Amino acid sequence: MLTLDLTGVRSKKGLFEALATHLKLPKYFGHNWDALADCLMDDSWAKRGGYTIIVLDATAAGRRFGDDWNTLTDIFDEACIWWSEHDKPFHVVLT
């Protein structure tokens, strides 16, 4: 289980930094949406048997980030579907 704490994150740059740190993304993560999608759907990142990502402060973050929040949740949805097609559990819980 990984926890993505977005409490106090106010900028897109801060969001990408939180994603990189809390999700333990590889050093080559490019801090953009395409890079996030690539990392989340990469066997070299997801070495565990499965993942659950708990997103803290999701409701407030959704208001703060608007369209960027929609993009993030779309990428999470795509990753959940992609991993289910590869028989690996991957869940994102927004709290």
Protein backbone atom coordinates (compact mmCIF):
# COMPACT_ATOMS: atom_id res chain seq x y z
CA MET A 1 0.00 0.00 0.00
CA LEU A 2 1.18 3.49 -0.87
CA THR A 3 -0.19 6.74 0.55
CA LEU A 4 -0.34 9.88 -1.56
CA ASP A 5 -0.88 12.76 0.86
CA LEU A 6 -2.02 15.86 -0.99
CA THR A 7 -2.68 17.93 2.12
CA GLY A 8 -1.24 21.37 1.51
CA VAL A 9 -0.17 20.67 -2.09
CA ARG A 10 -1.18 23.77 -4.04
CA SER A 11 0.66 23.74 -7.37
CA LYS A 12 0.94 21.40 -10.33
CA LYS A 13 4.68 21.21 -9.67
CA GLY A 14 3.96 20.27 -6.06
CA LEU A 15 1.49 17.63 -7.24
CA PHE A 16 4.10 15.99 -9.47
CA GLU A 17 6.65 16.13 -6.65
CA ALA A 18 4.17 14.46 -4.28
CA LEU A 19 3.42 11.78 -6.87
CA ALA A 20 7.11 11.10 -7.42
CA THR A 21 7.91 10.90 -3.72
CA HIS A 22 4.87 9.13 -2.29
CA LEU A 23 4.47 6.64 -5.13
CA LYS A 24 8.21 5.97 -5.24
CA LEU A 25 8.33 6.58 -8.97
CA PRO A 26 11.60 5.91 -10.80
CA LYS A 27 14.21 8.64 -11.07
CA TYR A 28 13.48 8.97 -14.80
CA PHE A 29 9.89 10.16 -14.06
CA GLY A 30 9.50 13.28 -16.21
CA HIS A 31 7.02 15.19 -14.00
CA ASN A 32 4.29 15.33 -16.64
CA TRP A 33 1.07 13.40 -17.31
CA ASP A 34 2.46 11.15 -20.05
CA ALA A 35 5.41 10.20 -17.86
CA LEU A 36 3.09 9.41 -14.95
CA ALA A 37 0.98 7.11 -17.11
CA ASP A 38 4.12 5.43 -18.44
CA CYS A 39 5.49 4.85 -14.94
CA LEU A 40 2.25 3.56 -13.44
CA MET A 41 1.87 1.05 -16.26
CA ASP A 42 5.46 -0.18 -16.24
CA ASP A 43 6.51 -3.57 -14.90
CA SER A 44 9.82 -2.15 -13.74
CA TRP A 45 7.98 0.21 -11.34
CA ALA A 46 5.29 -2.22 -10.23
CA LYS A 47 7.43 -5.03 -8.88
CA ARG A 48 5.03 -5.95 -6.06
CA GLY A 49 2.19 -8.42 -6.40
CA GLY A 50 -0.28 -5.55 -6.48
CA TYR A 51 -0.85 -2.00 -5.36
CA THR A 52 -3.36 0.03 -3.43
CA ILE A 53 -2.83 3.78 -3.48
CA ILE A 54 -4.62 5.74 -0.76
CA VAL A 55 -5.02 9.39 -1.78
CA LEU A 56 -5.43 11.68 1.23
CA ASP A 57 -7.22 15.04 0.93
CA ALA A 58 -8.72 13.98 -2.41
CA THR A 59 -11.91 16.06 -2.19
CA ALA A 60 -10.07 19.30 -1.48
CA ALA A 61 -7.37 18.45 -4.02
CA GLY A 62 -10.05 17.93 -6.65
CA ARG A 63 -11.30 21.47 -6.04
CA ARG A 64 -7.78 22.92 -6.03
CA PHE A 65 -6.55 21.22 -9.18
CA GLY A 66 -9.65 21.22 -11.42
CA ASP A 67 -8.76 19.89 -14.87
CA ASP A 68 -5.41 18.58 -13.62
CA TRP A 69 -7.30 16.53 -11.03
CA ASN A 70 -9.49 15.08 -13.77
CA THR A 71 -6.37 14.13 -15.71
CA LEU A 72 -4.83 12.48 -12.65
CA THR A 73 -7.94 10.43 -11.90
CA ASP A 74 -8.21 9.43 -15.57
CA ILE A 75 -4.62 8.14 -15.44
CA PHE A 76 -5.36 6.26 -12.21
CA ASP A 77 -8.43 4.71 -13.90
CA GLU A 78 -6.38 3.70 -16.93
CA ALA A 79 -3.72 2.13 -14.70
CA CYS A 80 -6.36 0.15 -12.78
CA ILE A 81 -7.77 -1.22 -16.03
CA TRP A 82 -4.33 -1.91 -17.52
CA TRP A 83 -3.13 -3.86 -14.47
CA SER A 84 -6.38 -5.84 -14.22
CA GLU A 85 -5.78 -6.94 -17.83
CA HIS A 86 -2.34 -8.13 -16.66
CA ASP A 87 -3.74 -10.03 -13.66
CA LYS A 88 -2.25 -7.71 -11.06
CA PRO A 89 -4.43 -5.87 -8.55
CA PHE A 90 -4.11 -2.10 -8.69
CA HIS A 91 -6.55 0.06 -6.76
CA VAL A 92 -6.79 3.75 -5.96
CA VAL A 93 -8.84 4.89 -2.97
CA LEU A 94 -9.74 8.58 -2.73
CA THR A 95 -10.25 9.81 0.83
